Every structure is written in C-alpha cells, then in structure tokens.
Amino acid sequence: MCRCAERMSWPSVIAKNTCWCNKRLTTAYVLINCELGSEEKVFSELKLINKIKETREVFGAYDIITKIEASSAEIIKDIIATKIRGMERVRSTLTLMGSEKEQN
C-alpha cells in the first residue's frame, strides 16, 4: 500500500481509492486495422475497455484510432496486447506512445 494513504482519512481513501503520489499519466494512440466490414463491431467493443479515453473511426490505411491513458506504459502494453490485439476482427495495430503529463 502507498504511504500517502496513511495521510488520508479513511472516507477519502474509500471514496477515491486513488493514490496521488504519482500524478503522471502515460498516453498512447493506437491505430487499428480491422477486417473489412467489422469496423463498427470493433468500435463498439473498444468503447467498453477501461482506460480507453477516446475512440474515432478514421479513413485511410487504418480504420480506428483510440487514445489510452494509464499510470504506466506497462498497463498500456497489457491493454493493447491482450484486449485490443486479442479482438477477433482486429488485423493489425500501430502504437504511438506519448509523453507523460500531469493529472488535473
């Protein structure tokens, strides 16, 4: 457990369940290529994944772009490897990792 929890009151810890010691987020943009005709199905499935903040259908070499924010690159890697690439109709992905930013 993080030591910052010692400084918080229990109602605050329970209500928020959040550690504010590390206020940095890592952002990744994932370009997704789907099987022909499956874009809307993949789009709908992506909207259900926790940590995905934005999803848009796009035109060009890729069908969908999605934005993921998490506390570490490892969490993002796991989401991409298991949840996005694990989707039956996803053919390929390209990940663009952003720099960290402060949470508001």
N, C-alpha and C. Protein backbone atom coordinates (compact mmCIF):
# COMPACT_ATOMS: atom_id res chain seq x y z
N MET A 1 0.84 -1.18 0.00
CA MET A 1 0.00 0.00 0.00
C MET A 1 0.88 1.24 0.00
N CYS A 2 0.46 2.24 -0.66
CA CYS A 2 1.19 3.50 -0.74
C CYS A 2 1.15 4.23 0.59
N ARG A 3 2.24 4.91 0.94
CA ARG A 3 2.30 5.64 2.20
C ARG A 3 1.39 6.87 2.23
N CYS A 4 0.99 7.37 1.08
CA CYS A 4 0.11 8.54 1.08
C CYS A 4 -1.23 8.22 1.72
N ALA A 5 -1.62 6.94 1.71
CA ALA A 5 -2.89 6.54 2.33
C ALA A 5 -2.86 6.78 3.83
N GLU A 6 -1.66 6.73 4.43
CA GLU A 6 -1.54 6.99 5.86
C GLU A 6 -1.94 8.43 6.19
N ARG A 7 -1.74 9.36 5.26
CA ARG A 7 -2.05 10.77 5.49
C ARG A 7 -3.50 11.09 5.20
N MET A 8 -4.21 10.20 4.54
CA MET A 8 -5.60 10.46 4.16
C MET A 8 -6.54 9.91 5.23
N SER A 9 -7.70 10.50 5.31
CA SER A 9 -8.72 9.93 6.19
C SER A 9 -9.35 8.74 5.47
N TRP A 10 -9.84 7.76 6.20
CA TRP A 10 -10.41 6.58 5.57
C TRP A 10 -11.57 6.88 4.63
N PRO A 11 -12.49 7.79 4.97
CA PRO A 11 -13.56 8.08 3.99
C PRO A 11 -13.00 8.54 2.65
N SER A 12 -11.93 9.32 2.71
CA SER A 12 -11.32 9.80 1.47
C SER A 12 -10.72 8.64 0.69
N VAL A 13 -10.04 7.74 1.38
CA VAL A 13 -9.41 6.59 0.72
C VAL A 13 -10.47 5.70 0.10
N ILE A 14 -11.53 5.46 0.83
CA ILE A 14 -12.59 4.60 0.32
C ILE A 14 -13.31 5.25 -0.85
N ALA A 15 -13.62 6.54 -0.72
CA ALA A 15 -14.36 7.24 -1.77
C ALA A 15 -13.56 7.34 -3.06
N LYS A 16 -12.31 7.68 -2.93
CA LYS A 16 -11.49 7.91 -4.12
C LYS A 16 -10.78 6.65 -4.59
N ASN A 17 -10.27 5.85 -3.62
CA ASN A 17 -9.49 4.67 -3.92
C ASN A 17 -8.37 4.99 -4.91
N THR A 18 -7.73 6.12 -4.69
CA THR A 18 -6.72 6.62 -5.62
C THR A 18 -5.49 7.09 -4.88
N CYS A 19 -4.34 6.73 -5.38
CA CYS A 19 -3.08 7.22 -4.84
C CYS A 19 -2.64 8.42 -5.67
N TRP A 20 -2.36 9.53 -5.00
CA TRP A 20 -1.96 10.75 -5.71
C TRP A 20 -0.46 10.99 -5.64
N CYS A 21 0.32 10.00 -5.20
CA CYS A 21 1.78 10.16 -5.16
C CYS A 21 2.34 10.33 -6.56
N ASN A 22 1.82 9.57 -7.49
CA ASN A 22 2.28 9.64 -8.88
C ASN A 22 1.13 10.20 -9.71
N LYS A 23 1.18 11.47 -10.01
CA LYS A 23 0.09 12.12 -10.73
C LYS A 23 0.33 12.14 -12.24
N ARG A 24 1.25 11.33 -12.71
CA ARG A 24 1.58 11.35 -14.12
C ARG A 24 0.83 10.25 -14.87
N LEU A 25 0.41 10.60 -16.07
CA LEU A 25 -0.27 9.63 -16.93
C LEU A 25 0.54 9.42 -18.19
N THR A 26 0.55 8.21 -18.67
CA THR A 26 1.16 7.90 -19.95
C THR A 26 0.04 7.77 -20.97
N THR A 27 0.24 8.35 -22.13
CA THR A 27 -0.78 8.34 -23.18
C THR A 27 -0.26 7.58 -24.40
N ALA A 28 -1.14 6.80 -24.99
CA ALA A 28 -0.81 6.10 -26.24
C ALA A 28 -1.97 6.26 -27.20
N TYR A 29 -1.63 6.44 -28.46
CA TYR A 29 -2.62 6.44 -29.53
C TYR A 29 -2.42 5.15 -30.30
N VAL A 30 -3.49 4.42 -30.50
CA VAL A 30 -3.39 3.13 -31.19
C VAL A 30 -4.20 3.21 -32.48
N LEU A 31 -3.52 3.01 -33.60
CA LEU A 31 -4.17 2.95 -34.91
C LEU A 31 -4.50 1.49 -35.16
N ILE A 32 -5.75 1.23 -35.52
CA ILE A 32 -6.24 -0.14 -35.63
C ILE A 32 -6.75 -0.42 -37.03
N ASN A 33 -6.31 -1.54 -37.59
CA ASN A 33 -6.79 -2.00 -38.88
C ASN A 33 -7.67 -3.21 -38.63
N CYS A 34 -8.92 -3.14 -39.12
CA CYS A 34 -9.92 -4.20 -38.87
C CYS A 34 -10.19 -5.00 -40.14
N GLU A 35 -10.81 -6.15 -39.96
CA GLU A 35 -11.30 -6.91 -41.11
C GLU A 35 -12.37 -6.08 -41.80
N LEU A 36 -12.46 -6.20 -43.10
CA LEU A 36 -13.43 -5.45 -43.89
C LEU A 36 -14.85 -5.66 -43.37
N GLY A 37 -15.54 -4.57 -43.11
CA GLY A 37 -16.92 -4.62 -42.65
C GLY A 37 -17.12 -4.79 -41.15
N SER A 38 -16.03 -4.92 -40.40
CA SER A 38 -16.16 -5.15 -38.96
C SER A 38 -15.85 -3.91 -38.12
N GLU A 39 -15.68 -2.77 -38.76
CA GLU A 39 -15.26 -1.56 -38.06
C GLU A 39 -16.21 -1.17 -36.93
N GLU A 40 -17.50 -1.21 -37.18
CA GLU A 40 -18.47 -0.78 -36.16
C GLU A 40 -18.48 -1.74 -34.97
N LYS A 41 -18.33 -3.02 -35.22
CA LYS A 41 -18.29 -4.02 -34.14
C LYS A 41 -17.06 -3.79 -33.27
N VAL A 42 -15.90 -3.61 -33.89
CA VAL A 42 -14.66 -3.36 -33.15
C VAL A 42 -14.78 -2.04 -32.39
N PHE A 43 -15.31 -1.02 -33.04
CA PHE A 43 -15.50 0.29 -32.41
C PHE A 43 -16.33 0.14 -31.13
N SER A 44 -17.42 -0.60 -31.20
CA SER A 44 -18.29 -0.81 -30.03
C SER A 44 -17.57 -1.54 -28.91
N GLU A 45 -16.78 -2.54 -29.26
CA GLU A 45 -16.04 -3.30 -28.25
C GLU A 45 -14.97 -2.44 -27.58
N LEU A 46 -14.32 -1.57 -28.35
CA LEU A 46 -13.30 -0.69 -27.79
C LEU A 46 -13.88 0.27 -26.75
N LYS A 47 -15.09 0.73 -26.98
CA LYS A 47 -15.74 1.67 -26.06
C LYS A 47 -15.94 1.07 -24.67
N LEU A 48 -15.91 -0.25 -24.57
CA LEU A 48 -16.14 -0.94 -23.29
C LEU A 48 -14.86 -1.16 -22.48
N ILE A 49 -13.70 -0.88 -23.07
CA ILE A 49 -12.44 -1.14 -22.40
C ILE A 49 -12.06 0.02 -21.49
N ASN A 50 -11.81 -0.31 -20.23
CA ASN A 50 -11.37 0.69 -19.26
C ASN A 50 -10.01 1.25 -19.69
N LYS A 51 -9.77 2.49 -19.44
CA LYS A 51 -8.54 3.23 -19.78
C LYS A 51 -8.55 3.80 -21.19
N ILE A 52 -9.47 3.36 -22.05
CA ILE A 52 -9.59 3.97 -23.37
C ILE A 52 -10.42 5.22 -23.21
N LYS A 53 -9.81 6.36 -23.51
CA LYS A 53 -10.45 7.65 -23.28
C LYS A 53 -11.19 8.18 -24.49
N GLU A 54 -10.76 7.78 -25.68
CA GLU A 54 -11.37 8.29 -26.91
C GLU A 54 -11.23 7.25 -28.01
N THR A 55 -12.23 7.15 -28.85
CA THR A 55 -12.18 6.24 -30.00
C THR A 55 -12.86 6.92 -31.17
N ARG A 56 -12.20 6.90 -32.33
CA ARG A 56 -12.75 7.53 -33.53
C ARG A 56 -12.54 6.62 -34.74
N GLU A 57 -13.53 6.59 -35.62
CA GLU A 57 -13.35 5.92 -36.91
C GLU A 57 -12.63 6.91 -37.82
N VAL A 58 -11.67 6.42 -38.60
CA VAL A 58 -10.89 7.27 -39.49
C VAL A 58 -10.83 6.65 -40.88
N PHE A 59 -10.42 7.45 -41.85
CA PHE A 59 -10.25 6.98 -43.23
C PHE A 59 -8.78 6.88 -43.54
N GLY A 60 -8.41 5.95 -44.40
CA GLY A 60 -7.02 5.80 -44.80
C GLY A 60 -6.55 4.38 -44.54
N ALA A 61 -5.27 4.24 -44.25
CA ALA A 61 -4.67 2.92 -44.04
C ALA A 61 -5.21 2.22 -42.80
N TYR A 62 -5.69 3.00 -41.84
CA TYR A 62 -6.25 2.43 -40.61
C TYR A 62 -7.72 2.79 -40.51
N ASP A 63 -8.45 2.00 -39.74
CA ASP A 63 -9.90 2.17 -39.63
C ASP A 63 -10.33 2.92 -38.37
N ILE A 64 -9.57 2.75 -37.29
CA ILE A 64 -9.93 3.32 -35.99
C ILE A 64 -8.68 3.86 -35.32
N ILE A 65 -8.83 4.97 -34.61
CA ILE A 65 -7.77 5.47 -33.73
C ILE A 65 -8.37 5.57 -32.33
N THR A 66 -7.60 5.13 -31.36
CA THR A 66 -8.08 5.18 -29.98
C THR A 66 -6.99 5.76 -29.08
N LYS A 67 -7.41 6.44 -28.05
CA LYS A 67 -6.48 7.07 -27.10
C LYS A 67 -6.60 6.34 -25.76
N ILE A 68 -5.45 5.90 -25.25
CA ILE A 68 -5.40 5.21 -23.96
C ILE A 68 -4.59 6.04 -22.99
N GLU A 69 -5.08 6.20 -21.77
CA GLU A 69 -4.33 6.86 -20.70
C GLU A 69 -4.26 5.92 -19.52
N ALA A 70 -3.04 5.75 -18.98
CA ALA A 70 -2.84 4.88 -17.82
C ALA A 70 -1.66 5.40 -17.02
N SER A 71 -1.49 4.85 -15.83
CA SER A 71 -0.41 5.31 -14.96
C SER A 71 0.96 4.79 -15.38
N SER A 72 1.00 3.81 -16.28
CA SER A 72 2.30 3.30 -16.74
C SER A 72 2.21 2.74 -18.16
N ALA A 73 3.37 2.67 -18.78
CA ALA A 73 3.45 2.09 -20.13
C ALA A 73 3.13 0.60 -20.08
N GLU A 74 3.44 -0.06 -18.96
CA GLU A 74 3.15 -1.49 -18.83
C GLU A 74 1.65 -1.77 -18.88
N ILE A 75 0.86 -0.91 -18.25
CA ILE A 75 -0.60 -1.09 -18.28
C ILE A 75 -1.10 -0.92 -19.71
N ILE A 76 -0.58 0.08 -20.39
CA ILE A 76 -0.97 0.32 -21.79
C ILE A 76 -0.58 -0.88 -22.66
N LYS A 77 0.63 -1.37 -22.47
CA LYS A 77 1.10 -2.54 -23.23
C LYS A 77 0.17 -3.73 -23.02
N ASP A 78 -0.26 -3.95 -21.79
CA ASP A 78 -1.16 -5.06 -21.49
C ASP A 78 -2.52 -4.89 -22.16
N ILE A 79 -3.05 -3.67 -22.13
CA ILE A 79 -4.34 -3.40 -22.78
C ILE A 79 -4.26 -3.68 -24.28
N ILE A 80 -3.18 -3.20 -24.90
CA ILE A 80 -3.02 -3.39 -26.34
C ILE A 80 -2.82 -4.87 -26.68
N ALA A 81 -1.92 -5.53 -25.95
CA ALA A 81 -1.59 -6.93 -26.26
C ALA A 81 -2.74 -7.89 -26.00
N THR A 82 -3.45 -7.70 -24.90
CA THR A 82 -4.48 -8.69 -24.55
C THR A 82 -5.88 -8.30 -24.99
N LYS A 83 -6.23 -7.04 -24.83
CA LYS A 83 -7.61 -6.64 -25.11
C LYS A 83 -7.83 -6.20 -26.55
N ILE A 84 -6.96 -5.34 -27.07
CA ILE A 84 -7.17 -4.83 -28.43
C ILE A 84 -6.72 -5.86 -29.47
N ARG A 85 -5.47 -6.30 -29.39
CA ARG A 85 -4.98 -7.29 -30.37
C ARG A 85 -5.66 -8.64 -30.21
N GLY A 86 -6.25 -8.87 -29.05
CA GLY A 86 -6.96 -10.12 -28.82
C GLY A 86 -8.35 -10.16 -29.44
N MET A 87 -8.82 -9.02 -29.94
CA MET A 87 -10.13 -8.99 -30.59
C MET A 87 -10.08 -9.78 -31.90
N GLU A 88 -11.11 -10.55 -32.11
CA GLU A 88 -11.16 -11.45 -33.26
C GLU A 88 -11.01 -10.73 -34.60
N ARG A 89 -11.57 -9.55 -34.73
CA ARG A 89 -11.61 -8.86 -36.03
C ARG A 89 -10.52 -7.79 -36.22
N VAL A 90 -9.62 -7.67 -35.26
CA VAL A 90 -8.50 -6.73 -35.39
C VAL A 90 -7.38 -7.41 -36.15
N ARG A 91 -6.97 -6.80 -37.28
CA ARG A 91 -5.92 -7.39 -38.12
C ARG A 91 -4.54 -6.91 -37.71
N SER A 92 -4.40 -5.60 -37.40
CA SER A 92 -3.10 -5.07 -37.02
C SER A 92 -3.28 -3.77 -36.24
N THR A 93 -2.22 -3.39 -35.52
CA THR A 93 -2.23 -2.13 -34.78
C THR A 93 -0.88 -1.43 -34.94
N LEU A 94 -0.90 -0.14 -34.73
CA LEU A 94 0.31 0.67 -34.67
C LEU A 94 0.15 1.57 -33.46
N THR A 95 1.10 1.51 -32.54
CA THR A 95 1.01 2.27 -31.30
C THR A 95 1.97 3.45 -31.32
N LEU A 96 1.45 4.61 -30.95
CA LEU A 96 2.25 5.83 -30.81
C LEU A 96 2.17 6.22 -29.35
N MET A 97 3.30 6.11 -28.64
CA MET A 97 3.32 6.40 -27.22
C MET A 97 3.64 7.87 -27.01
N GLY A 98 2.80 8.53 -26.21
CA GLY A 98 3.00 9.95 -25.91
C GLY A 98 3.82 10.14 -24.66
N SER A 99 4.19 11.38 -24.41
CA SER A 99 4.92 11.70 -23.20
C SER A 99 3.96 11.81 -22.03
N GLU A 100 4.51 11.79 -20.83
CA GLU A 100 3.68 11.86 -19.63
C GLU A 100 3.20 13.28 -19.39
N LYS A 101 2.06 13.39 -18.71
CA LYS A 101 1.51 14.70 -18.36
C LYS A 101 0.96 14.65 -16.95
N GLU A 102 0.79 15.79 -16.35
CA GLU A 102 0.21 15.88 -15.02
C GLU A 102 -1.28 15.69 -15.08
N GLN A 103 -1.85 14.97 -14.10
CA GLN A 103 -3.30 14.85 -13.98
C GLN A 103 -3.84 16.14 -13.41
N ASN A 104 -5.08 16.48 -13.78
CA ASN A 104 -5.73 17.66 -13.21
C ASN A 104 -6.53 17.28 -12.00
